[in-house]
N, C-alpha and C. Protein backbone atom coordinates (compact mmCIF):
# COMPACT_ATOMS: atom_id res chain seq x y z
N MET A 1 94.94 -272.48 -78.66
CA MET A 1 95.83 -271.63 -78.15
C MET A 1 94.27 -270.67 -79.00
N THR A 2 93.76 -269.43 -77.66
CA THR A 2 92.98 -268.94 -78.08
C THR A 2 93.72 -267.22 -78.46
N LYS A 3 92.64 -266.92 -79.24
CA LYS A 3 92.86 -265.56 -80.33
C LYS A 3 93.27 -264.42 -78.95
N GLY A 4 93.80 -264.16 -77.87
CA GLY A 4 93.32 -263.24 -76.99
C GLY A 4 95.26 -264.25 -76.32
N ASN A 5 95.76 -265.22 -76.39
CA ASN A 5 96.35 -266.30 -75.88
C ASN A 5 97.92 -265.14 -77.55
N LEU A 6 97.19 -266.09 -78.21
CA LEU A 6 98.09 -265.51 -79.63
C LEU A 6 98.33 -263.79 -79.43
N THR A 7 97.05 -262.75 -79.64
CA THR A 7 97.53 -261.65 -79.80
C THR A 7 99.09 -261.36 -78.40
N GLY A 8 98.85 -261.76 -77.40
CA GLY A 8 99.44 -261.00 -76.30
C GLY A 8 100.30 -261.19 -76.50
N LEU A 9 101.13 -262.54 -76.81
CA LEU A 9 101.95 -263.84 -77.69
C LEU A 9 103.02 -262.59 -78.07
N LEU A 10 102.19 -262.28 -79.01
CA LEU A 10 102.70 -261.63 -79.99
C LEU A 10 103.11 -260.11 -79.69
N LYS A 11 102.58 -259.59 -78.65
CA LYS A 11 102.96 -258.32 -78.20
C LYS A 11 104.63 -258.08 -77.49
N GLN A 12 103.84 -259.52 -76.34
CA GLN A 12 105.28 -259.86 -75.86
C GLN A 12 106.35 -259.98 -77.43
N ALA A 13 106.39 -260.53 -78.09
CA ALA A 13 107.21 -260.83 -79.00
C ALA A 13 108.02 -259.22 -79.59
N GLN A 14 107.25 -258.09 -80.30
CA GLN A 14 107.24 -257.35 -79.86
C GLN A 14 107.92 -255.94 -79.22
N LYS A 15 108.12 -256.18 -78.24
CA LYS A 15 108.39 -255.58 -76.82
C LYS A 15 109.98 -256.42 -77.35
N ILE A 16 109.98 -257.33 -76.84
CA ILE A 16 111.03 -258.00 -76.65
C ILE A 16 112.54 -257.83 -77.87
N GLN A 17 111.46 -258.06 -79.13
CA GLN A 17 112.25 -257.09 -79.90
C GLN A 17 112.39 -255.84 -80.06
N GLU A 18 111.74 -255.23 -79.69
CA GLU A 18 111.86 -253.02 -79.39
C GLU A 18 113.40 -253.26 -78.76
N LYS A 19 112.92 -254.32 -77.69
CA LYS A 19 113.89 -254.12 -76.59
C LYS A 19 115.88 -254.48 -77.05
N ILE A 20 116.13 -256.06 -77.91
CA ILE A 20 116.75 -255.91 -78.27
C ILE A 20 116.95 -254.52 -79.50
N LEU A 21 116.47 -254.65 -80.21
CA LEU A 21 116.87 -253.32 -81.38
C LEU A 21 117.16 -251.94 -80.32
N LYS A 22 117.02 -251.96 -79.55
CA LYS A 22 117.57 -250.35 -78.30
C LYS A 22 119.01 -251.05 -77.46
N ALA A 23 118.92 -251.99 -77.32
CA ALA A 23 120.45 -252.63 -76.90
C ALA A 23 121.38 -252.69 -78.04
N GLN A 24 121.28 -253.00 -78.88
CA GLN A 24 122.14 -253.16 -80.10
C GLN A 24 122.47 -251.60 -80.61
N GLU A 25 121.36 -250.85 -80.28
CA GLU A 25 121.97 -249.60 -81.20
C GLU A 25 122.54 -248.51 -79.77
N GLU A 26 123.12 -249.34 -78.40
CA GLU A 26 123.25 -248.78 -77.37
C GLU A 26 125.02 -249.31 -77.63
N LEU A 27 124.79 -250.57 -77.97
CA LEU A 27 126.17 -251.02 -78.12
C LEU A 27 127.09 -250.29 -78.54
N GLU A 28 127.27 -249.06 -79.16
CA GLU A 28 128.36 -249.01 -79.99
C GLU A 28 128.90 -247.95 -78.33
N ASN A 29 127.93 -247.34 -76.83
CA ASN A 29 128.68 -247.28 -76.29
C ASN A 29 129.35 -247.94 -75.35
N ILE A 30 129.45 -249.23 -75.21
CA ILE A 30 130.20 -249.80 -75.23
C ILE A 30 131.27 -250.11 -75.80
N VAL A 31 132.02 -249.74 -74.38
CA VAL A 31 134.04 -250.19 -75.20
C VAL A 31 134.75 -251.28 -74.45
N VAL A 32 135.48 -251.77 -75.05
CA VAL A 32 136.08 -252.69 -73.83
C VAL A 32 137.50 -252.94 -74.76
N GLU A 33 138.58 -253.33 -73.47
CA GLU A 33 140.50 -252.94 -74.22
C GLU A 33 141.25 -254.59 -74.47
N GLY A 34 141.62 -254.29 -75.37
CA GLY A 34 141.86 -256.31 -74.83
C GLY A 34 144.08 -255.06 -75.55
N SER A 35 144.85 -256.24 -74.44
CA SER A 35 146.22 -255.95 -74.72
C SER A 35 147.25 -257.16 -74.57
N ALA A 36 148.56 -257.13 -74.72
CA ALA A 36 149.46 -258.06 -75.34
C ALA A 36 150.66 -257.13 -74.93
N GLY A 37 151.38 -258.60 -74.48
CA GLY A 37 153.18 -258.11 -74.35
C GLY A 37 152.68 -257.14 -73.11
N GLY A 38 152.11 -257.66 -71.81
CA GLY A 38 152.11 -256.59 -70.75
C GLY A 38 152.22 -255.13 -71.10
N GLY A 39 151.28 -254.72 -71.77
CA GLY A 39 150.09 -253.39 -72.76
C GLY A 39 151.38 -253.18 -73.69
N MET A 40 151.94 -253.68 -74.00
CA MET A 40 152.90 -252.78 -74.95
C MET A 40 151.72 -253.00 -76.35
N VAL A 41 150.47 -253.23 -76.71
CA VAL A 41 149.98 -253.29 -77.76
C VAL A 41 148.69 -252.96 -76.33
N THR A 42 147.54 -251.95 -76.98
CA THR A 42 146.49 -251.64 -76.21
C THR A 42 145.38 -251.18 -77.27
N VAL A 43 144.35 -251.97 -77.36
CA VAL A 43 143.27 -251.60 -78.22
C VAL A 43 142.20 -251.19 -77.69
N ARG A 44 141.62 -250.45 -78.15
CA ARG A 44 139.77 -250.52 -77.46
C ARG A 44 138.94 -251.49 -78.76
N VAL A 45 137.95 -251.77 -78.50
CA VAL A 45 136.97 -252.07 -79.41
C VAL A 45 135.17 -252.03 -78.54
N ASN A 46 134.70 -251.53 -79.46
CA ASN A 46 133.41 -251.12 -78.85
C ASN A 46 132.43 -252.67 -78.54
N GLY A 47 131.43 -252.48 -78.91
CA GLY A 47 129.59 -253.14 -78.41
C GLY A 47 129.75 -254.16 -80.02
N LYS A 48 130.19 -253.09 -81.49
CA LYS A 48 129.38 -253.65 -82.76
C LYS A 48 130.78 -254.12 -82.90
N GLN A 49 131.85 -254.67 -82.51
CA GLN A 49 133.03 -255.20 -82.91
C GLN A 49 133.61 -254.31 -83.78
N GLU A 50 133.79 -253.14 -84.05
CA GLU A 50 134.49 -252.34 -84.18
C GLU A 50 135.77 -252.13 -83.34
N LEU A 51 137.07 -251.99 -83.91
CA LEU A 51 137.79 -251.53 -83.77
C LEU A 51 138.34 -250.05 -83.34
N VAL A 52 138.33 -249.26 -82.03
CA VAL A 52 138.23 -247.53 -82.25
C VAL A 52 138.86 -246.93 -81.56
N GLY A 53 140.75 -248.11 -81.14
CA GLY A 53 141.69 -247.57 -80.59
C GLY A 53 142.85 -248.23 -80.83
N LEU A 54 143.67 -248.21 -80.99
CA LEU A 54 145.06 -248.80 -80.99
C LEU A 54 146.18 -248.08 -80.39
N VAL A 55 146.80 -248.46 -79.57
CA VAL A 55 148.35 -247.68 -79.20
C VAL A 55 149.04 -248.47 -79.35
N ILE A 56 150.12 -248.65 -79.64
CA ILE A 56 151.62 -249.15 -79.59
C ILE A 56 152.24 -248.86 -78.69
N ALA A 57 153.42 -248.96 -77.30
CA ALA A 57 154.16 -248.14 -76.80
C ALA A 57 156.33 -248.63 -77.50
N PRO A 58 156.18 -247.42 -77.68
CA PRO A 58 157.97 -246.79 -78.76
C PRO A 58 158.57 -248.27 -78.57
N GLU A 59 159.35 -248.81 -77.74
CA GLU A 59 159.70 -249.60 -77.55
C GLU A 59 159.43 -251.16 -78.02
N VAL A 60 158.36 -251.12 -78.78
CA VAL A 60 158.44 -252.08 -79.53
C VAL A 60 157.87 -252.47 -80.74
N VAL A 61 158.45 -250.93 -81.44
CA VAL A 61 158.50 -250.72 -82.91
C VAL A 61 160.09 -251.09 -82.93
N ASP A 62 160.28 -252.14 -83.52
CA ASP A 62 161.82 -252.30 -84.40
C ASP A 62 161.80 -252.59 -85.41
N PRO A 63 161.95 -252.17 -86.40
CA PRO A 63 161.68 -252.09 -88.09
C PRO A 63 162.49 -253.95 -88.09
N GLN A 64 163.17 -254.00 -87.08
CA GLN A 64 164.51 -255.59 -87.65
C GLN A 64 163.34 -256.83 -87.21
N ASP A 65 162.38 -256.21 -86.64
CA ASP A 65 161.15 -257.85 -85.85
C ASP A 65 159.55 -256.80 -86.04
N THR A 66 159.34 -256.79 -87.42
CA THR A 66 157.81 -256.21 -87.24
C THR A 66 157.16 -256.97 -87.27
N GLU A 67 157.28 -258.99 -87.08
CA GLU A 67 157.04 -260.35 -87.04
C GLU A 67 156.88 -260.31 -85.85
N MET A 68 157.26 -260.08 -84.73
CA MET A 68 156.61 -259.28 -82.66
C MET A 68 155.83 -258.75 -82.80
N LEU A 69 155.73 -257.28 -83.42
CA LEU A 69 154.40 -256.52 -83.74
C LEU A 69 153.81 -257.13 -84.08
N GLU A 70 153.78 -257.35 -85.39
CA GLU A 70 152.19 -258.23 -85.96
C GLU A 70 151.71 -258.88 -85.07
N ASP A 71 152.47 -260.18 -84.45
CA ASP A 71 152.05 -260.54 -83.31
C ASP A 71 151.04 -260.33 -82.13
N LEU A 72 151.92 -259.21 -81.78
CA LEU A 72 151.08 -258.32 -80.31
C LEU A 72 150.30 -257.86 -80.81
N VAL A 73 149.64 -256.95 -81.67
CA VAL A 73 149.00 -256.37 -82.38
C VAL A 73 147.51 -258.01 -82.35
N MET A 74 148.17 -258.86 -83.31
CA MET A 74 146.61 -259.44 -83.22
C MET A 74 146.54 -260.26 -82.44
N ALA A 75 146.81 -260.51 -80.98
CA ALA A 75 146.71 -261.37 -79.81
C ALA A 75 145.93 -259.63 -79.21
N ALA A 76 146.16 -258.20 -79.09
CA ALA A 76 145.55 -257.88 -78.37
C ALA A 76 144.17 -257.46 -79.21
N VAL A 77 144.19 -257.03 -80.40
CA VAL A 77 142.80 -256.78 -81.80
C VAL A 77 141.62 -258.57 -81.01
N ASN A 78 142.31 -259.67 -81.09
CA ASN A 78 141.54 -260.84 -80.78
C ASN A 78 141.07 -260.68 -79.24
N GLN A 79 141.94 -260.78 -78.23
CA GLN A 79 141.57 -260.44 -77.08
C GLN A 79 140.08 -259.18 -76.78
N GLY A 80 140.55 -258.27 -77.23
CA GLY A 80 139.32 -257.17 -77.80
C GLY A 80 137.92 -257.21 -78.57
N LEU A 81 138.18 -257.98 -79.65
CA LEU A 81 136.84 -258.75 -79.77
C LEU A 81 135.70 -259.18 -78.85
N GLU A 82 137.22 -260.23 -78.82
CA GLU A 82 136.47 -261.18 -77.42
C GLU A 82 135.52 -260.99 -76.54
N LYS A 83 136.18 -260.00 -75.81
CA LYS A 83 135.76 -259.35 -74.60
C LYS A 83 134.29 -258.17 -75.40
N ALA A 84 134.33 -257.91 -76.12
CA ALA A 84 133.65 -257.15 -76.62
C ALA A 84 132.19 -257.31 -77.62
N GLN A 85 133.01 -259.06 -77.59
CA GLN A 85 131.24 -260.22 -77.67
C GLN A 85 130.96 -260.72 -76.81
N GLU A 86 131.09 -260.89 -75.35
CA GLU A 86 131.08 -260.94 -74.63
C GLU A 86 129.93 -259.66 -73.24
N ALA A 87 130.40 -258.29 -73.62
CA ALA A 87 129.73 -257.32 -73.33
C ALA A 87 128.32 -257.19 -74.04
N ALA A 88 128.41 -257.20 -75.19
CA ALA A 88 127.71 -256.91 -76.17
C ALA A 88 126.32 -258.52 -76.01
N ASN A 89 126.62 -259.89 -75.18
CA ASN A 89 126.03 -260.73 -75.29
C ASN A 89 125.47 -260.32 -74.26
N GLU A 90 126.05 -260.09 -72.95
CA GLU A 90 125.11 -259.54 -71.71
C GLU A 90 124.72 -258.25 -72.12
N GLN A 91 123.87 -257.06 -72.48
CA GLN A 91 123.51 -256.46 -72.92
C GLN A 91 122.42 -256.72 -73.45
N ILE A 92 122.49 -257.97 -74.44
CA ILE A 92 120.99 -257.97 -74.85
C ILE A 92 120.97 -259.17 -74.15
N SER A 93 121.37 -260.00 -73.74
CA SER A 93 120.69 -260.72 -71.84
C SER A 93 119.90 -259.99 -71.27
N SER A 94 120.31 -259.17 -71.35
CA SER A 94 119.87 -257.83 -70.20
C SER A 94 118.45 -257.13 -70.96
N ALA A 95 118.77 -256.69 -71.69
CA ALA A 95 117.79 -256.24 -72.24
C ALA A 95 116.77 -256.85 -72.36
N THR A 96 116.57 -258.58 -72.92
CA THR A 96 115.50 -259.57 -72.75
C THR A 96 115.43 -260.18 -71.96
N GLY A 97 116.09 -259.94 -70.98
CA GLY A 97 115.57 -260.30 -68.80
C GLY A 97 116.16 -261.38 -69.04
N GLY A 98 117.07 -262.43 -69.93
CA GLY A 98 117.74 -263.53 -70.05
C GLY A 98 117.09 -263.91 -70.87
N LEU A 99 115.38 -263.79 -71.36
CA LEU A 99 114.73 -264.82 -71.96
C LEU A 99 115.30 -265.75 -72.91
N LEU A 100 115.91 -264.90 -73.58
CA LEU A 100 116.74 -265.85 -75.35
C LEU A 100 117.94 -267.03 -74.20
N GLY A 101 118.38 -266.21 -73.14
CA GLY A 101 119.76 -267.55 -72.86
C GLY A 101 119.84 -268.93 -73.77
N GLY A 102 118.87 -269.54 -73.29
CA GLY A 102 119.68 -270.61 -74.66
C GLY A 102 118.78 -271.19 -75.23
N LEU A 103 117.44 -270.36 -75.35
CA LEU A 103 117.32 -269.85 -76.83
C LEU A 103 117.32 -269.99 -78.47
N THR A 104 118.88 -269.18 -77.68
CA THR A 104 119.72 -269.18 -79.09
C THR A 104 120.64 -269.90 -79.76
N GLY A 105 120.57 -270.57 -79.09
CA GLY A 105 121.52 -272.02 -80.88
C GLY A 105 122.59 -271.52 -81.48
N GLY A 106 123.53 -270.23 -80.50
CA GLY A 106 124.70 -270.10 -81.09
C GLY A 106 124.26 -268.77 -82.23
N ILE A 107 123.26 -268.73 -82.88
CA ILE A 107 122.45 -267.44 -83.10
C ILE A 107 123.36 -266.18 -82.82
N LYS A 108 124.28 -265.72 -83.90
CA LYS A 108 124.18 -264.44 -83.86
C LYS A 108 123.21 -263.52 -84.25
N PHE A 109 123.31 -262.08 -83.14
CA PHE A 109 122.26 -261.30 -83.52
C PHE A 109 122.57 -260.31 -84.41
N PRO A 110 122.43 -259.25 -85.59
CA PRO A 110 122.59 -258.77 -86.03
C PRO A 110 123.27 -257.48 -85.17
N GLY A 111 124.41 -257.15 -85.37
CA GLY A 111 125.16 -255.91 -84.93
C GLY A 111 125.19 -256.57 -83.84
N LEU A 112 125.68 -258.18 -84.03
CA LEU A 112 126.61 -258.67 -82.53
C LEU A 112 127.68 -259.91 -83.58
N THR A 113 128.12 -259.70 -84.57
CA THR A 113 128.75 -260.62 -84.60
C THR A 113 130.18 -260.06 -85.34
């Protein structure tokens, strides 16, 4: 490989890295919802995998059956986290033009775990 090709490759890698960093910064602005129990519990999760909202319908709050409420909250949070991960992956893929598509081998990028 010639020096010119290597320099060009390094510049290209630096541009991709900059795009990934910018995309990671924008993840906070991506917000998805997860719900359970037909909408009785709804959560909002951002692209950084942070829970940013939780709504529990009053009729699902039964002091005698907290286990059901716990299950609904866990299901809604897990659904929200899954959707947020998908959205984050799409954001990174978009930023890199799909270049990293099959090359990541399951590697999770910082801010996307």
